[in-house]
Amino acid sequence: MSRSKVVGFAVLIVLVLLPQSAAQQAPDAAPNPTAQSVTEHELLRQLGRIDGRITIPDAHAATLEQPRGREYQAFHERTLPWIGGIAIIGMLVTLTVFYLARGPITLDTPLTGMKIKRFVWVERFTHWLTATSFIILAVTGLNYVFGKRLLMPLIGPDAFATWSQWAKYMHNTFAWPFMLGLAVTIGLWLRDNLPDRYDLEWLRRFGGFLSRRHPPARRFNAGQKLIFWSVVLGGLILTASGLVMLFPLSIGDIGGIQTAQYVHAVAAMLLVAIMLAHIYIGTIGMQGALDAMVSGDVDVAWAREHHRVWLEEEGARTPDGPQLGAGPIPAE
């Protein structure tokens, strides 16, 4: 074979094998940007969140994604409705069963027609201010959790959106009179709701609700004191967490707001359930209880059965003299 033929054959072999060799080396020679990029999971694991670039002044808007958002969504959409449903429906069922089994708590003795002042006007005003504000806050707050599940299917998405917008305005507005009423409530009734020696006996006998024999009590019995401290402690928790949400990112980051929402929502659900019991006793559950917060006066027979020690103290000593006159208190 001539030299020219050998060279030609060698060139042919090179031309045949070169494309296969280039194809085998292509992945290493040309890096894949997608394969070498950092994944979303790695960013969240390393940084705790994913930030972007923004041109607006609010630097917090640069946060695009963070794991705590998923945790909060799971709590709000699944856990919280169960907490609220169990607490509120459970209390309603308990009160219904109690009413059917026990009936309203009535007086064992007839009314005397003689009245004694139980609450002055400033106490009644504070009570109704706080109670009205709380009811509005409860209704508008429950809309956040149960509205789209229960109300939107009935009134439609457009009406529900309008109602929810106004509910938010009302919730933020009536938070302030509630906080004012809570502060005045503490100042007015803190002293009367401190523990005393009659509380354990009242609790042991469950206030006489089952035995129909009411243990002695001063101005507020142990059950009323439990309601008072539930309102005070629950109200303070709602106030602190609510202020964090009213002024977002003023204290802490987005995680602080989410924590405040956890605390606010759970405390609100529990307090709504407790207030249902308070409303029951103050209306259909006990004869004469509503008169105390409407007119401020109660019949002596009512005071004798439910607050005997307070009646004796008031009959003997008031700022303007004995409320019941100079004569003795009617015999028990």
C-alpha atoms as a PDB file:
ATOM      1  CA  MET A   1       0.000   0.000   0.000  1.00  0.00           C
ATOM      2  CA  SER A   2       1.329   3.388  -0.999  1.00  0.00           C
ATOM      3  CA  ARG A   3       2.047   6.115   1.507  1.00  0.00           C
ATOM      4  CA  SER A   4      -0.801   8.292   0.219  1.00  0.00           C
ATOM      5  CA  LYS A   5      -3.322   5.537   0.710  1.00  0.00           C
ATOM      6  CA  VAL A   6      -2.181   4.959   4.331  1.00  0.00           C
ATOM      7  CA  VAL A   7      -2.589   8.654   5.169  1.00  0.00           C
ATOM      8  CA  GLY A   8      -6.036   8.757   3.601  1.00  0.00           C
ATOM      9  CA  PHE A   9      -7.188   5.720   5.533  1.00  0.00           C
ATOM     10  CA  ALA A  10      -5.937   7.237   8.806  1.00  0.00           C
ATOM     11  CA  VAL A  11      -7.806  10.472   8.127  1.00  0.00           C
ATOM     12  CA  LEU A  12     -10.994   8.531   7.477  1.00  0.00           C
ATOM     13  CA  ILE A  13     -10.712   6.692  10.788  1.00  0.00           C
ATOM     14  CA  VAL A  14     -10.201   9.955  12.669  1.00  0.00           C
ATOM     15  CA  LEU A  15     -13.247  11.528  11.034  1.00  0.00           C
ATOM     16  CA  VAL A  16     -15.417   8.535  11.982  1.00  0.00           C
ATOM     17  CA  LEU A  17     -14.301   8.322  15.637  1.00  0.00           C
ATOM     18  CA  LEU A  18     -14.101  12.061  16.447  1.00  0.00           C
ATOM     19  CA  PRO A  19     -17.885  12.764  16.747  1.00  0.00           C
ATOM     20  CA  GLN A  20     -18.330   9.836  19.144  1.00  0.00           C
ATOM     21  CA  SER A  21     -15.453  11.038  21.342  1.00  0.00           C
ATOM     22  CA  ALA A  22     -16.840  14.615  21.387  1.00  0.00           C
ATOM     23  CA  ALA A  23     -20.290  13.361  22.302  1.00  0.00           C
ATOM     24  CA  GLN A  24     -18.867  11.391  25.216  1.00  0.00           C
ATOM     25  CA  GLN A  25     -16.954  14.404  26.509  1.00  0.00           C
ATOM     26  CA  ALA A  26     -19.818  16.945  25.987  1.00  0.00           C
ATOM     27  CA  PRO A  27     -21.440  16.626  29.458  1.00  0.00           C
ATOM     28  CA  ASP A  28     -18.125  17.326  31.141  1.00  0.00           C
ATOM     29  CA  ALA A  29     -17.102  20.016  28.734  1.00  0.00           C
ATOM     30  CA  ALA A  30     -20.436  21.939  28.856  1.00  0.00           C
ATOM     31  CA  PRO A  31     -21.773  22.280  32.494  1.00  0.00           C
ATOM     32  CA  ASN A  32     -25.551  22.135  33.043  1.00  0.00           C
ATOM     33  CA  PRO A  33     -26.650  25.333  34.935  1.00  0.00           C
ATOM     34  CA  THR A  34     -29.866  23.748  36.209  1.00  0.00           C
ATOM     35  CA  ALA A  35     -28.088  20.734  37.665  1.00  0.00           C
ATOM     36  CA  GLN A  36     -25.513  22.866  39.491  1.00  0.00           C
ATOM     37  CA  SER A  37     -27.949  25.516  40.844  1.00  0.00           C
ATOM     38  CA  VAL A  38     -28.956  25.632  44.522  1.00  0.00           C
ATOM     39  CA  THR A  39     -32.354  24.066  45.117  1.00  0.00           C
ATOM     40  CA  GLU A  40     -35.222  25.707  47.010  1.00  0.00           C
ATOM     41  CA  HIS A  41     -34.971  23.108  49.739  1.00  0.00           C
ATOM     42  CA  GLU A  42     -31.263  23.837  50.264  1.00  0.00           C
ATOM     43  CA  LEU A  43     -31.932  27.590  50.499  1.00  0.00           C
ATOM     44  CA  LEU A  44     -34.666  27.106  53.084  1.00  0.00           C
ATOM     45  CA  ARG A  45     -32.450  24.717  55.061  1.00  0.00           C
ATOM     46  CA  GLN A  46     -29.406  27.012  55.009  1.00  0.00           C
ATOM     47  CA  LEU A  47     -31.023  30.453  55.286  1.00  0.00           C
ATOM     48  CA  GLY A  48     -34.434  29.722  56.853  1.00  0.00           C
ATOM     49  CA  ARG A  49     -36.151  31.739  54.123  1.00  0.00           C
ATOM     50  CA  ILE A  50     -35.868  32.876  50.504  1.00  0.00           C
ATOM     51  CA  ASP A  51     -35.343  36.590  49.846  1.00  0.00           C
ATOM     52  CA  GLY A  52     -35.621  38.489  46.590  1.00  0.00           C
ATOM     53  CA  ARG A  53     -34.707  41.976  45.371  1.00  0.00           C
ATOM     54  CA  ILE A  54     -37.169  44.854  45.790  1.00  0.00           C
ATOM     55  CA  THR A  55     -37.138  48.595  45.164  1.00  0.00           C
ATOM     56  CA  ILE A  56     -39.871  49.654  47.637  1.00  0.00           C
ATOM     57  CA  PRO A  57     -38.954  50.951  51.126  1.00  0.00           C
ATOM     58  CA  ASP A  58     -40.491  48.010  52.998  1.00  0.00           C
ATOM     59  CA  ALA A  59     -37.552  45.613  53.320  1.00  0.00           C
ATOM     60  CA  HIS A  60     -39.782  42.904  54.814  1.00  0.00           C
ATOM     61  CA  ALA A  61     -41.536  42.532  51.442  1.00  0.00           C
ATOM     62  CA  ALA A  62     -38.377  40.927  50.055  1.00  0.00           C
ATOM     63  CA  THR A  63     -39.118  37.699  51.906  1.00  0.00           C
ATOM     64  CA  LEU A  64     -40.613  35.408  49.280  1.00  0.00           C
ATOM     65  CA  GLU A  65     -40.926  32.154  51.174  1.00  0.00           C
ATOM     66  CA  GLN A  66     -40.293  30.785  54.649  1.00  0.00           C
ATOM     67  CA  PRO A  67     -41.138  27.469  56.345  1.00  0.00           C
ATOM     68  CA  ARG A  68     -43.010  29.151  59.224  1.00  0.00           C
ATOM     69  CA  GLY A  69     -45.661  30.284  56.768  1.00  0.00           C
ATOM     70  CA  ARG A  70     -46.562  26.672  56.083  1.00  0.00           C
ATOM     71  CA  GLU A  71     -46.718  25.929  59.816  1.00  0.00           C
ATOM     72  CA  TYR A  72     -49.017  28.873  60.426  1.00  0.00           C
ATOM     73  CA  GLN A  73     -51.290  27.876  57.539  1.00  0.00           C
ATOM     74  CA  ALA A  74     -51.579  24.353  58.926  1.00  0.00           C
ATOM     75  CA  PHE A  75     -52.454  25.748  62.360  1.00  0.00           C
ATOM     76  CA  HIS A  76     -55.008  28.246  61.048  1.00  0.00           C
ATOM     77  CA  GLU A  77     -56.716  25.889  58.609  1.00  0.00           C
ATOM     78  CA  ARG A  78     -56.699  22.643  60.593  1.00  0.00           C
ATOM     79  CA  THR A  79     -55.716  22.903  64.264  1.00  0.00           C
ATOM     80  CA  LEU A  80     -57.482  26.130  65.261  1.00  0.00           C
ATOM     81  CA  PRO A  81     -60.965  25.169  63.971  1.00  0.00           C
ATOM     82  CA  TRP A  82     -60.785  21.999  66.033  1.00  0.00           C
ATOM     83  CA  ILE A  83     -59.740  23.911  69.157  1.00  0.00           C
ATOM     84  CA  GLY A  84     -62.556  26.420  68.710  1.00  0.00           C
ATOM     85  CA  GLY A  85     -65.151  23.830  67.807  1.00  0.00           C
ATOM     86  CA  ILE A  86     -64.392  21.606  70.788  1.00  0.00           C
ATOM     87  CA  ALA A  87     -64.310  24.522  73.256  1.00  0.00           C
ATOM     88  CA  ILE A  88     -67.408  26.387  72.063  1.00  0.00           C
ATOM     89  CA  ILE A  89     -69.645  23.502  71.026  1.00  0.00           C
ATOM     90  CA  GLY A  90     -68.557  21.563  74.095  1.00  0.00           C
ATOM     91  CA  MET A  91     -69.602  24.427  76.363  1.00  0.00           C
ATOM     92  CA  LEU A  92     -72.953  24.832  74.587  1.00  0.00           C
ATOM     93  CA  VAL A  93     -73.681  21.124  74.943  1.00  0.00           C
ATOM     94  CA  THR A  94     -72.693  21.193  78.633  1.00  0.00           C
ATOM     95  CA  LEU A  95     -74.934  24.171  79.376  1.00  0.00           C
ATOM     96  CA  THR A  96     -77.844  22.614  77.502  1.00  0.00           C
ATOM     97  CA  VAL A  97     -77.541  19.354  79.412  1.00  0.00           C
ATOM     98  CA  PHE A  98     -77.256  21.240  82.709  1.00  0.00           C
ATOM     99  CA  TYR A  99     -80.324  23.344  81.947  1.00  0.00           C
ATOM    100  CA  LEU A 100     -82.409  20.315  80.981  1.00  0.00           C
ATOM    101  CA  ALA A 101     -81.307  18.392  84.080  1.00  0.00           C
ATOM    102  CA  ARG A 102     -81.294  21.209  86.659  1.00  0.00           C
ATOM    103  CA  GLY A 103     -83.404  23.940  85.159  1.00  0.00           C
ATOM    104  CA  PRO A 104     -82.989  27.589  86.132  1.00  0.00           C
ATOM    105  CA  ILE A 105     -81.697  28.341  89.611  1.00  0.00           C
ATOM    106  CA  THR A 106     -84.671  29.833  91.416  1.00  0.00           C
ATOM    107  CA  LEU A 107     -85.091  31.264  94.912  1.00  0.00           C
ATOM    108  CA  ASP A 108     -86.166  28.992  97.714  1.00  0.00           C
ATOM    109  CA  THR A 109     -87.974  31.852  99.464  1.00  0.00           C
ATOM    110  CA  PRO A 110     -90.400  34.440  98.041  1.00  0.00           C
ATOM    111  CA  LEU A 111     -89.207  37.916  97.120  1.00  0.00           C
ATOM    112  CA  THR A 112     -89.408  40.462  99.924  1.00  0.00           C
ATOM    113  CA  GLY A 113     -89.873  43.559  97.776  1.00  0.00           C
ATOM    114  CA  MET A 114     -86.996  45.188  99.673  1.00  0.00           C
ATOM    115  CA  LYS A 115     -84.100  46.170  97.396  1.00  0.00           C
ATOM    116  CA  ILE A 116     -80.390  46.566  98.055  1.00  0.00           C
ATOM    117  CA  LYS A 117     -77.909  48.329  95.787  1.00  0.00           C
ATOM    118  CA  ARG A 118     -75.477  45.837  94.287  1.00  0.00           C
ATOM    119  CA  PHE A 119     -73.797  47.782  91.459  1.00  0.00           C
ATOM    120  CA  VAL A 120     -73.580  51.546  91.012  1.00  0.00           C
ATOM    121  CA  TRP A 121     -73.889  53.129  87.570  1.00  0.00           C
ATOM    122  CA  VAL A 122     -70.164  53.248  86.795  1.00  0.00           C
ATOM    123  CA  GLU A 123     -69.876  49.517  87.474  1.00  0.00           C
ATOM    124  CA  ARG A 124     -72.835  48.734  85.235  1.00  0.00           C
ATOM    125  CA  PHE A 125     -71.528  51.014  82.467  1.00  0.00           C
ATOM    126  CA  THR A 126     -68.101  49.363  82.599  1.00  0.00           C
ATOM    127  CA  HIS A 127     -69.644  45.908  82.501  1.00  0.00           C
ATOM    128  CA  TRP A 128     -71.803  46.645  79.460  1.00  0.00           C
ATOM    129  CA  LEU A 129     -69.000  48.483  77.664  1.00  0.00           C
ATOM    130  CA  THR A 130     -66.664  45.524  78.096  1.00  0.00           C
ATOM    131  CA  ALA A 131     -69.364  42.945  77.366  1.00  0.00           C
ATOM    132  CA  THR A 132     -70.627  44.653  74.198  1.00  0.00           C
ATOM    133  CA  SER A 133     -67.106  45.146  72.875  1.00  0.00           C
ATOM    134  CA  PHE A 134     -66.230  41.528  73.616  1.00  0.00           C
ATOM    135  CA  ILE A 135     -69.310  40.189  71.807  1.00  0.00           C
ATOM    136  CA  ILE A 136     -68.467  42.231  68.692  1.00  0.00           C
ATOM    137  CA  LEU A 137     -64.856  41.091  68.876  1.00  0.00           C
ATOM    138  CA  ALA A 138     -65.960  37.473  69.313  1.00  0.00           C
ATOM    139  CA  VAL A 139     -68.337  37.508  66.330  1.00  0.00           C
ATOM    140  CA  THR A 140     -65.893  39.253  63.994  1.00  0.00           C
ATOM    141  CA  GLY A 141     -62.967  37.169  65.239  1.00  0.00           C
ATOM    142  CA  LEU A 142     -64.784  33.863  64.744  1.00  0.00           C
ATOM    143  CA  ASN A 143     -65.449  34.959  61.179  1.00  0.00           C
ATOM    144  CA  TYR A 144     -61.707  34.638  60.490  1.00  0.00           C
ATOM    145  CA  VAL A 145     -61.807  30.963  61.403  1.00  0.00           C
ATOM    146  CA  PHE A 146     -65.279  29.693  60.555  1.00  0.00           C
ATOM    147  CA  GLY A 147     -66.627  32.313  58.143  1.00  0.00           C
ATOM    148  CA  LYS A 148     -65.568  30.782  54.850  1.00  0.00           C
ATOM    149  CA  ARG A 149     -66.689  27.345  56.049  1.00  0.00           C
ATOM    150  CA  LEU A 150     -70.106  28.257  57.469  1.00  0.00           C
ATOM    151  CA  LEU A 151     -71.113  31.702  56.217  1.00  0.00           C
ATOM    152  CA  MET A 152     -69.739  31.969  52.681  1.00  0.00           C
ATOM    153  CA  PRO A 153     -71.742  28.980  51.350  1.00  0.00           C
ATOM    154  CA  LEU A 154     -74.920  30.693  52.598  1.00  0.00           C
ATOM    155  CA  ILE A 155     -74.404  34.278  51.379  1.00  0.00           C
ATOM    156  CA  GLY A 156     -71.976  33.814  48.500  1.00  0.00           C
ATOM    157  CA  PRO A 157     -68.356  34.937  48.012  1.00  0.00           C
ATOM    158  CA  ASP A 158     -69.096  38.585  47.149  1.00  0.00           C
ATOM    159  CA  ALA A 159     -71.263  39.255  50.199  1.00  0.00           C
ATOM    160  CA  PHE A 160     -68.846  37.331  52.383  1.00  0.00           C
ATOM    161  CA  ALA A 161     -65.914  39.416  51.133  1.00  0.00           C
ATOM    162  CA  THR A 162     -67.787  42.639  51.940  1.00  0.00           C
ATOM    163  CA  TRP A 163     -68.795  41.388  55.377  1.00  0.00           C
ATOM    164  CA  SER A 164     -65.254  40.202  56.143  1.00  0.00           C
ATOM    165  CA  GLN A 165     -63.811  43.580  55.243  1.00  0.00           C
ATOM    166  CA  TRP A 166     -66.205  45.373  57.601  1.00  0.00           C
ATOM    167  CA  ALA A 167     -65.648  42.691  60.229  1.00  0.00           C
ATOM    168  CA  LYS A 168     -61.945  43.499  60.155  1.00  0.00           C
ATOM    169  CA  TYR A 169     -62.649  47.223  60.605  1.00  0.00           C
ATOM    170  CA  MET A 170     -65.015  46.499  63.502  1.00  0.00           C
ATOM    171  CA  HIS A 171     -62.567  44.103  65.137  1.00  0.00           C
ATOM    172  CA  ASN A 172     -59.750  46.631  65.091  1.00  0.00           C
ATOM    173  CA  THR A 173     -62.030  49.460  66.251  1.00  0.00           C
ATOM    174  CA  PHE A 174     -63.782  47.745  69.157  1.00  0.00           C
ATOM    175  CA  ALA A 175     -60.490  46.407  70.492  1.00  0.00           C
ATOM    176  CA  TRP A 176     -59.896  49.834  72.069  1.00  0.00           C
ATOM    177  CA  PRO A 177     -63.120  50.122  74.144  1.00  0.00           C
ATOM    178  CA  PHE A 178     -62.577  46.515  75.230  1.00  0.00           C
ATOM    179  CA  MET A 179     -59.104  47.358  76.509  1.00  0.00           C
ATOM    180  CA  LEU A 180     -60.477  50.446  78.268  1.00  0.00           C
ATOM    181  CA  GLY A 181     -63.274  48.446  79.873  1.00  0.00           C
ATOM    182  CA  LEU A 182     -60.818  45.769  80.965  1.00  0.00           C
ATOM    183  CA  ALA A 183     -58.591  48.324  82.683  1.00  0.00           C
ATOM    184  CA  VAL A 184     -61.521  49.927  84.535  1.00  0.00           C
ATOM    185  CA  THR A 185     -62.885  46.480  85.454  1.00  0.00           C
ATOM    186  CA  ILE A 186     -59.614  45.599  87.153  1.00  0.00           C
ATOM    187  CA  GLY A 187     -59.631  48.852  89.076  1.00  0.00           C
ATOM    188  CA  LEU A 188     -63.243  48.499  90.197  1.00  0.00           C
ATOM    189  CA  TRP A 189     -63.423  44.855  91.213  1.00  0.00           C
ATOM    190  CA  LEU A 190     -59.925  43.583  91.913  1.00  0.00           C
ATOM    191  CA  ARG A 191     -60.274  43.946  95.677  1.00  0.00           C
ATOM    192  CA  ASP A 192     -63.637  42.167  95.805  1.00  0.00           C
ATOM    193  CA  ASN A 193     -62.288  39.237  93.777  1.00  0.00           C
ATOM    194  CA  LEU A 194     -59.342  38.353  95.975  1.00  0.00           C
ATOM    195  CA  PRO A 195     -59.614  34.897  97.595  1.00  0.00           C
ATOM    196  CA  ASP A 196     -61.273  34.671 101.005  1.00  0.00           C
ATOM    197  CA  ARG A 197     -62.193  31.951 103.485  1.00  0.00           C
ATOM    198  CA  TYR A 198     -65.604  31.289 101.910  1.00  0.00           C
ATOM    199  CA  ASP A 199     -64.274  30.276  98.486  1.00  0.00           C
ATOM    200  CA  LEU A 200     -63.181  26.718  99.271  1.00  0.00           C
ATOM    201  CA  GLU A 201     -66.553  25.870 100.779  1.00  0.00           C
ATOM    202  CA  TRP A 202     -68.332  27.350  97.768  1.00  0.00           C
ATOM    203  CA  LEU A 203     -66.201  25.289  95.389  1.00  0.00           C
ATOM    204  CA  ARG A 204     -66.602  22.137  97.477  1.00  0.00           C
ATOM    205  CA  ARG A 205     -70.385  22.457  97.297  1.00  0.00           C
ATOM    206  CA  PHE A 206     -70.339  23.687  93.678  1.00  0.00           C
ATOM    207  CA  GLY A 207     -72.163  26.803  94.738  1.00  0.00           C
ATOM    208  CA  GLY A 208     -75.223  24.812  95.729  1.00  0.00           C
ATOM    209  CA  PHE A 209     -76.198  24.413  92.067  1.00  0.00           C
ATOM    210  CA  LEU A 210     -76.798  20.707  92.539  1.00  0.00           C
ATOM    211  CA  SER A 211     -77.854  20.507  96.188  1.00  0.00           C
ATOM    212  CA  ARG A 212     -80.027  23.682  96.030  1.00  0.00           C
ATOM    213  CA  ARG A 213     -78.389  24.895  99.269  1.00  0.00           C
ATOM    214  CA  HIS A 214     -76.219  27.927  98.535  1.00  0.00           C
ATOM    215  CA  PRO A 215     -73.036  28.322 100.625  1.00  0.00           C
ATOM    216  CA  PRO A 216     -72.281  31.745 102.154  1.00  0.00           C
ATOM    217  CA  ALA A 217     -70.372  34.275 100.056  1.00  0.00           C
ATOM    218  CA  ARG A 218     -69.300  37.868 100.162  1.00  0.00           C
ATOM    219  CA  ARG A 219     -69.909  40.280  97.278  1.00  0.00           C
ATOM    220  CA  PHE A 220     -68.540  37.805  94.727  1.00  0.00           C
ATOM    221  CA  ASN A 221     -68.559  34.055  95.230  1.00  0.00           C
ATOM    222  CA  ALA A 222     -65.804  31.706  94.057  1.00  0.00           C
ATOM    223  CA  GLY A 223     -67.513  31.051  90.727  1.00  0.00           C
ATOM    224  CA  GLN A 224     -67.740  34.753  89.955  1.00  0.00           C
ATOM    225  CA  LYS A 225     -64.127  35.187  90.963  1.00  0.00           C
ATOM    226  CA  LEU A 226     -63.097  32.485  88.507  1.00  0.00           C
ATOM    227  CA  ILE A 227     -64.972  34.359  85.776  1.00  0.00           C
ATOM    228  CA  PHE A 228     -63.322  37.631  86.808  1.00  0.00           C
ATOM    229  CA  TRP A 229     -59.800  36.222  86.694  1.00  0.00           C
ATOM    230  CA  SER A 230     -60.531  34.458  83.409  1.00  0.00           C
ATOM    231  CA  VAL A 231     -61.576  37.805  81.926  1.00  0.00           C
ATOM    232  CA  VAL A 232     -58.601  39.638  83.417  1.00  0.00           C
ATOM    233  CA  LEU A 233     -55.910  37.133  82.444  1.00  0.00           C
ATOM    234  CA  GLY A 234     -57.501  36.256  79.124  1.00  0.00           C
ATOM    235  CA  GLY A 235     -58.139  39.920  78.349  1.00  0.00           C
ATOM    236  CA  LEU A 236     -54.544  40.876  79.107  1.00  0.00           C
ATOM    237  CA  ILE A 237     -53.279  38.092  76.844  1.00  0.00           C
ATOM    238  CA  LEU A 238     -55.632  39.216  74.075  1.00  0.00           C
ATOM    239  CA  THR A 239     -54.546  42.826  74.577  1.00  0.00           C
ATOM    240  CA  ALA A 240     -50.810  42.100  74.396  1.00  0.00           C
ATOM    241  CA  SER A 241     -51.065  39.781  71.401  1.00  0.00           C
ATOM    242  CA  GLY A 242     -53.598  42.052  69.691  1.00  0.00           C
ATOM    243  CA  LEU A 243     -51.325  45.075  69.952  1.00  0.00           C
ATOM    244  CA  VAL A 244     -48.538  43.108  68.268  1.00  0.00           C
ATOM    245  CA  MET A 245     -50.903  42.412  65.363  1.00  0.00           C
ATOM    246  CA  LEU A 246     -52.315  45.946  65.248  1.00  0.00           C
ATOM    247  CA  PHE A 247     -48.773  47.280  64.844  1.00  0.00           C
ATOM    248  CA  PRO A 248     -47.088  44.544  62.777  1.00  0.00           C
ATOM    249  CA  LEU A 249     -43.298  44.210  62.767  1.00  0.00           C
ATOM    250  CA  SER A 250     -42.976  46.886  65.448  1.00  0.00           C
ATOM    251  CA  ILE A 251     -41.798  44.152  67.814  1.00  0.00           C
ATOM    252  CA  GLY A 252     -39.889  41.295  66.206  1.00  0.00           C
ATOM    253  CA  ASP A 253     -40.154  39.834  62.727  1.00  0.00           C
ATOM    254  CA  ILE A 254     -42.876  37.900  60.934  1.00  0.00           C
ATOM    255  CA  GLY A 255     -42.310  35.023  63.326  1.00  0.00           C
ATOM    256  CA  GLY A 256     -43.340  37.243  66.222  1.00  0.00           C
ATOM    257  CA  ILE A 257     -46.594  38.134  64.461  1.00  0.00           C
ATOM    258  CA  GLN A 258     -47.366  34.474  63.845  1.00  0.00           C
ATOM    259  CA  THR A 259     -46.679  33.624  67.498  1.00  0.00           C
ATOM    260  CA  ALA A 260     -48.992  36.458  68.560  1.00  0.00           C
ATOM    261  CA  GLN A 261     -51.706  35.049  66.290  1.00  0.00           C
ATOM    262  CA  TYR A 262     -51.307  31.577  67.826  1.00  0.00           C
ATOM    263  CA  VAL A 263     -51.693  32.981  71.339  1.00  0.00           C
ATOM    264  CA  HIS A 264     -54.465  35.421  70.415  1.00  0.00           C
ATOM    265  CA  ALA A 265     -56.599  32.842  68.633  1.00  0.00           C
ATOM    266  CA  VAL A 266     -56.363  30.110  71.278  1.00  0.00           C
ATOM    267  CA  ALA A 267     -56.977  32.531  74.171  1.00  0.00           C
ATOM    268  CA  ALA A 268     -59.959  34.018  72.333  1.00  0.00           C
ATOM    269  CA  MET A 269     -61.553  30.623  71.709  1.00  0.00           C
ATOM    270  CA  LEU A 270     -61.222  29.616  75.356  1.00  0.00           C
ATOM    271  CA  LEU A 271     -62.516  32.965  76.611  1.00  0.00           C
ATOM    272  CA  VAL A 272     -65.544  32.794  74.295  1.00  0.00           C
ATOM    273  CA  ALA A 273     -66.410  29.390  75.774  1.00  0.00           C
ATOM    274  CA  ILE A 274     -66.060  30.723  79.337  1.00  0.00           C
ATOM    275  CA  MET A 275     -68.194  33.772  78.532  1.00  0.00           C
ATOM    276  CA  LEU A 276     -70.974  31.513  77.273  1.00  0.00           C
ATOM    277  CA  ALA A 277     -71.196  30.059  80.778  1.00  0.00           C
ATOM    278  CA  HIS A 278     -71.195  33.564  82.258  1.00  0.00           C
ATOM    279  CA  ILE A 279     -73.984  34.708  79.930  1.00  0.00           C
ATOM    280  CA  TYR A 280     -76.028  31.612  80.757  1.00  0.00           C
ATOM    281  CA  ILE A 281     -75.839  32.168  84.529  1.00  0.00           C
ATOM    282  CA  GLY A 282     -76.505  35.884  84.139  1.00  0.00           C
ATOM    283  CA  THR A 283     -79.672  35.400  82.070  1.00  0.00           C
ATOM    284  CA  ILE A 284     -81.790  32.252  81.942  1.00  0.00           C
ATOM    285  CA  GLY A 285     -79.632  30.252  84.319  1.00  0.00           C
ATOM    286  CA  MET A 286     -80.343  32.140  87.549  1.00  0.00           C
ATOM    287  CA  GLN A 287     -83.414  34.014  88.695  1.00  0.00           C
ATOM    288  CA  GLY A 288     -82.715  37.659  89.518  1.00  0.00           C
ATOM    289  CA  ALA A 289     -79.098  37.708  88.326  1.00  0.00           C
ATOM    290  CA  LEU A 290     -79.770  40.005  85.366  1.00  0.00           C
ATOM    291  CA  ASP A 291     -81.432  42.625  87.579  1.00  0.00           C
ATOM    292  CA  ALA A 292     -78.093  43.327  89.237  1.00  0.00           C
ATOM    293  CA  MET A 293     -76.551  44.576  85.976  1.00  0.00           C
ATOM    294  CA  VAL A 294     -79.691  46.274  84.603  1.00  0.00           C
ATOM    295  CA  SER A 295     -81.063  48.300  87.503  1.00  0.00           C
ATOM    296  CA  GLY A 296     -78.175  47.727  89.895  1.00  0.00           C
ATOM    297  CA  ASP A 297     -80.574  46.574  92.637  1.00  0.00           C
ATOM    298  CA  VAL A 298     -81.372  43.069  93.826  1.00  0.00           C
ATOM    299  CA  ASP A 299     -84.033  41.760  96.162  1.00  0.00           C
ATOM    300  CA  VAL A 300     -82.955  41.042  99.700  1.00  0.00           C
ATOM    301  CA  ALA A 301     -84.162  37.457  99.357  1.00  0.00           C
ATOM    302  CA  TRP A 302     -81.826  36.960  96.374  1.00  0.00           C
ATOM    303  CA  ALA A 303     -78.891  38.529  98.225  1.00  0.00           C
ATOM    304  CA  ARG A 304     -79.578  36.388 101.287  1.00  0.00           C
ATOM    305  CA  GLU A 305     -79.479  33.145  99.323  1.00  0.00           C
ATOM    306  CA  HIS A 306     -76.480  33.855  97.105  1.00  0.00           C
ATOM    307  CA  HIS A 307     -74.363  36.413  99.011  1.00  0.00           C
ATOM    308  CA  ARG A 308     -75.386  36.167 102.648  1.00  0.00           C
ATOM    309  CA  VAL A 309     -72.137  37.506 104.107  1.00  0.00           C
ATOM    310  CA  TRP A 310     -72.172  40.508 101.766  1.00  0.00           C
ATOM    311  CA  LEU A 311     -75.785  41.241 102.695  1.00  0.00           C
ATOM    312  CA  GLU A 312     -74.907  41.270 106.373  1.00  0.00           C
ATOM    313  CA  GLU A 313     -71.938  43.565 105.758  1.00  0.00           C
ATOM    314  CA  GLU A 314     -73.950  45.966 103.611  1.00  0.00           C
ATOM    315  CA  GLY A 315     -76.857  45.968 106.008  1.00  0.00           C
ATOM    316  CA  ALA A 316     -74.593  47.061 108.812  1.00  0.00           C
ATOM    317  CA  ARG A 317     -72.155  49.357 107.001  1.00  0.00           C
ATOM    318  CA  THR A 318     -72.302  51.419 103.749  1.00  0.00           C
ATOM    319  CA  PRO A 319     -70.811  54.818 102.805  1.00  0.00           C
ATOM    320  CA  ASP A 320     -74.232  56.481 103.306  1.00  0.00           C
ATOM    321  CA  GLY A 321     -75.337  54.410 106.234  1.00  0.00           C
ATOM    322  CA  PRO A 322     -77.161  51.073 106.374  1.00  0.00           C
ATOM    323  CA  GLN A 323     -78.874  50.285 103.082  1.00  0.00           C
ATOM    324  CA  LEU A 324     -81.583  48.329 104.818  1.00  0.00           C
ATOM    325  CA  GLY A 325     -82.456  50.953 107.358  1.00  0.00           C
ATOM    326  CA  ALA A 326     -81.811  50.968 111.063  1.00  0.00           C
ATOM    327  CA  GLY A 327     -83.765  47.793 111.690  1.00  0.00           C
ATOM    328  CA  PRO A 328     -82.315  44.301 111.665  1.00  0.00           C
ATOM    329  CA  ILE A 329     -81.849  42.271 108.509  1.00  0.00           C
ATOM    330  CA  PRO A 330     -84.800  39.928 107.889  1.00  0.00           C
ATOM    331  CA  ALA A 331     -84.281  36.543 109.470  1.00  0.00           C
ATOM    332  CA  GLU A 332     -82.928  33.767 107.283  1.00  0.00           C
END
